[in-house]
């Protein structure tokens, strides 16, 4: 009776205030007035904040894609500093973006920042152990650092995940590294 009507009023009042929750209340019919049960179903609809958050994530994802593509273009064109800046923008919002980690490692390697290249490439292989690109860049960074053992292990891992057209090259690199290791 009265309790159910008060509950109904409070629920509708909450809905009017928030504008984000829909509540359906089923009351017993008039023949079963002694029954004090209600079936309250709460349906959550997105709030403005949730919608803005989702849109921000979509924009953030699109920015990651755009900066990764731009960084890759810079890398391919020999603009290593610009490439590094693009990949860093991606990593500022998503520190586990594999493409940006591999890209910035390659840029750092080309800028002769071998220690930094090694760190980024190591992080990339931790995120995706079967990434040919990450192992390949790590191999190159170890070679630049004259860490022949690290380079050999990385070359071996890169070989495991390499496309067929890269396998011959990696075998030759491994032979070179074996000679370097003595």
Protein backbone atom coordinates (compact mmCIF):
# COMPACT_ATOMS: atom_id res chain seq x y z
CA UNK A 1 0.00 0.00 0.00
CA UNK A 2 1.41 3.27 1.28
CA UNK A 3 5.01 1.98 1.58
CA UNK A 4 4.95 0.80 -2.01
CA UNK A 5 3.63 4.15 -3.26
CA UNK A 6 6.34 5.99 -1.31
CA UNK A 7 9.00 3.66 -2.72
CA UNK A 8 7.61 4.24 -6.20
CA UNK A 9 7.72 8.02 -5.70
CA UNK A 10 11.33 7.92 -4.39
CA UNK A 11 12.48 5.76 -7.25
CA UNK A 12 10.86 8.00 -9.85
CA UNK A 13 12.30 11.08 -8.09
CA UNK A 14 15.80 9.58 -8.26
CA UNK A 15 15.32 8.91 -11.94
CA UNK A 16 14.20 12.47 -12.58
CA UNK A 17 17.26 13.83 -10.76
CA UNK A 18 19.85 11.64 -12.33
CA UNK A 19 18.48 11.15 -15.80
CA UNK A 20 20.69 8.11 -16.17
CA UNK A 21 18.88 5.24 -14.49
CA UNK A 22 15.63 3.67 -15.59
CA UNK A 23 13.74 1.77 -12.93
CA UNK A 24 10.70 -0.38 -13.54
CA UNK A 25 8.56 -1.20 -10.54
CA UNK A 26 5.86 -3.85 -10.70
CA UNK A 27 3.23 -3.58 -7.98
CA UNK A 28 0.85 -6.31 -6.93
CA UNK A 29 -2.60 -5.95 -8.40
CA UNK A 30 -5.41 -4.52 -6.25
CA UNK A 31 -6.76 -7.98 -5.39
CA UNK A 32 -3.50 -8.89 -3.61
CA UNK A 33 -3.05 -5.67 -1.60
CA UNK A 34 -1.67 -7.55 1.42
CA UNK A 35 1.28 -8.60 -0.66
CA UNK A 36 4.23 -6.24 0.03
CA UNK A 37 6.58 -7.39 -2.68
CA UNK A 38 7.80 -5.50 -5.68
CA UNK A 39 9.96 -6.48 -8.53
CA UNK A 40 12.48 -3.67 -8.95
CA UNK A 41 14.57 -3.83 -12.08
CA UNK A 42 17.35 -1.32 -12.61
CA UNK A 43 18.57 -0.67 -16.12
CA UNK A 44 21.70 1.41 -16.35
CA UNK A 45 21.98 3.68 -19.35
CA UNK A 46 25.25 5.49 -20.08
CA UNK A 47 25.80 8.79 -18.35
CA UNK A 48 27.24 11.78 -20.15
CA UNK A 49 30.54 11.19 -18.33
CA UNK A 50 30.61 7.55 -19.49
CA UNK A 51 29.83 8.57 -23.07
CA UNK A 52 32.55 11.24 -22.98
CA UNK A 53 34.99 8.68 -21.53
CA UNK A 54 34.17 6.24 -24.34
CA UNK A 55 34.58 8.97 -26.97
CA UNK A 56 37.90 9.98 -25.41
CA UNK A 57 39.06 6.35 -25.58
CA UNK A 58 38.04 6.18 -29.25
CA UNK A 59 39.89 9.44 -29.96
CA UNK A 60 42.86 8.19 -27.95
CA UNK A 61 42.92 4.94 -29.95
CA UNK A 62 42.71 6.88 -33.21
CA UNK A 63 45.52 9.18 -32.04
CA UNK A 64 47.64 6.11 -31.23
CA UNK A 65 47.05 4.77 -34.72
CA UNK A 66 47.78 8.14 -36.35
CA UNK A 67 50.96 8.79 -34.36
CA UNK A 68 52.16 5.22 -34.91
CA UNK A 69 51.65 5.57 -38.68
CA UNK A 70 53.35 8.97 -38.71
CA UNK A 71 56.22 7.65 -36.58
CA UNK A 72 56.66 4.72 -38.96
CA UNK A 73 56.74 7.10 -41.95
CA UNK A 74 59.38 9.22 -40.23
CA UNK A 75 61.38 6.09 -39.41
CA UNK A 76 61.25 4.89 -43.04
CA UNK A 77 62.28 8.34 -44.29
CA UNK A 78 65.26 8.59 -41.95
CA UNK A 79 63.70 11.22 -39.67
CA UNK A 80 64.57 9.37 -36.48
CA UNK A 81 64.11 12.23 -34.01
CA UNK A 82 60.61 12.94 -35.36
CA UNK A 83 59.81 9.23 -35.33
CA UNK A 84 60.88 9.00 -31.69
CA UNK A 85 58.63 11.97 -30.80
CA UNK A 86 55.60 10.36 -32.49
CA UNK A 87 56.14 7.01 -30.80
CA UNK A 88 56.67 8.74 -27.45
CA UNK A 89 53.26 10.45 -27.79
CA UNK A 90 51.68 7.02 -28.18
CA UNK A 91 53.59 5.63 -25.19
CA UNK A 92 52.55 8.61 -23.05
CA UNK A 93 48.94 7.44 -23.32
CA UNK A 94 49.56 3.71 -23.74
CA UNK A 95 52.93 2.55 -22.39
CA UNK A 96 52.27 -1.02 -23.59
CA UNK A 97 51.64 -0.24 -27.26
CA UNK A 98 53.79 -2.84 -29.00
CA UNK A 99 54.15 -0.98 -32.30
CA UNK A 100 55.24 2.21 -30.55
CA UNK A 101 57.73 0.31 -28.36
CA UNK A 102 59.30 -1.39 -31.38
CA UNK A 103 59.24 1.88 -33.32
CA UNK A 104 60.87 3.94 -30.59
CA UNK A 105 63.45 1.19 -30.03
CA UNK A 106 64.32 1.31 -33.74
CA UNK A 107 64.48 5.13 -33.68
CA UNK A 108 66.69 5.09 -30.59
CA UNK A 109 68.96 2.54 -32.26
CA UNK A 110 69.30 4.75 -35.35
CA UNK A 111 70.05 7.73 -33.07
CA UNK A 112 72.86 5.66 -31.47
CA UNK A 113 71.04 5.49 -28.13
CA UNK A 114 71.69 1.77 -27.80
CA UNK A 115 70.94 1.43 -24.08
CA UNK A 116 67.55 3.09 -24.55
CA UNK A 117 66.87 0.97 -27.66
CA UNK A 118 67.62 -2.18 -25.65
CA UNK A 119 65.25 -1.14 -22.86
CA UNK A 120 62.36 -0.38 -25.22
CA UNK A 121 62.90 -3.58 -27.21
CA UNK A 122 63.07 -5.65 -24.01
CA UNK A 123 59.77 -4.17 -22.91
CA UNK A 124 58.28 -5.01 -26.32
CA UNK A 125 59.31 -8.68 -26.15
CA UNK A 126 57.91 -8.91 -22.62
CA UNK A 127 54.57 -7.72 -23.95
CA UNK A 128 54.60 -10.01 -27.00
CA UNK A 129 57.15 -12.77 -26.87
CA UNK A 130 56.43 -13.91 -30.43
CA UNK A 131 57.05 -10.54 -32.07
CA UNK A 132 59.59 -10.95 -34.84
CA UNK A 133 60.03 -7.17 -35.10
CA UNK A 134 60.72 -6.73 -31.38
CA UNK A 135 63.33 -9.51 -31.32
CA UNK A 136 64.92 -8.19 -34.52
CA UNK A 137 65.31 -4.66 -33.12
CA UNK A 138 66.60 -6.08 -29.83
CA UNK A 139 69.15 -8.10 -31.81
CA UNK A 140 70.26 -4.97 -33.64
CA UNK A 141 70.54 -2.99 -30.41
CA UNK A 142 72.63 -5.72 -28.78
CA UNK A 143 74.86 -5.83 -31.85
CA UNK A 144 75.36 -2.05 -31.70
CA UNK A 145 76.22 -2.45 -28.02
CA UNK A 146 78.61 -5.31 -28.92
CA UNK A 147 76.70 -7.68 -26.66
CA UNK A 148 77.22 -10.64 -28.98
CA UNK A 149 75.60 -13.20 -26.71
CA UNK A 150 72.44 -11.08 -26.27
CA UNK A 151 72.40 -10.46 -30.00
CA UNK A 152 72.70 -14.18 -30.77
CA UNK A 153 69.87 -15.13 -28.41
CA UNK A 154 67.71 -12.36 -29.89
CA UNK A 155 68.54 -13.46 -33.44
CA UNK A 156 67.56 -17.00 -32.52
CA UNK A 157 64.20 -15.81 -31.16
CA UNK A 158 63.66 -13.54 -34.17
CA UNK A 159 64.32 -16.54 -36.43
CA UNK A 160 61.58 -18.52 -34.67
CA UNK A 161 58.96 -15.91 -35.60
CA UNK A 162 60.47 -14.58 -38.83
CA UNK A 163 58.65 -14.56 -42.12
CA UNK A 164 60.29 -16.95 -44.60
CA UNK A 165 61.97 -14.16 -46.56
CA UNK A 166 63.96 -13.11 -43.45
CA UNK A 167 65.15 -16.55 -42.32
CA UNK A 168 68.23 -16.67 -44.59
CA UNK A 169 69.34 -13.22 -43.41
CA UNK A 170 68.97 -14.26 -39.77
CA UNK A 171 70.95 -17.46 -40.31
CA UNK A 172 73.81 -15.36 -41.75
CA UNK A 173 73.60 -12.95 -38.82
CA UNK A 174 73.74 -15.87 -36.40
CA UNK A 175 76.88 -17.22 -38.14
CA UNK A 176 78.46 -13.77 -37.90
CA UNK A 177 77.57 -13.58 -34.20
CA UNK A 178 78.99 -17.04 -33.50
CA UNK A 179 82.33 -15.85 -34.95
CA UNK A 180 82.18 -12.71 -32.80
CA UNK A 181 81.50 -14.77 -29.69
CA UNK A 182 84.63 -16.80 -30.45
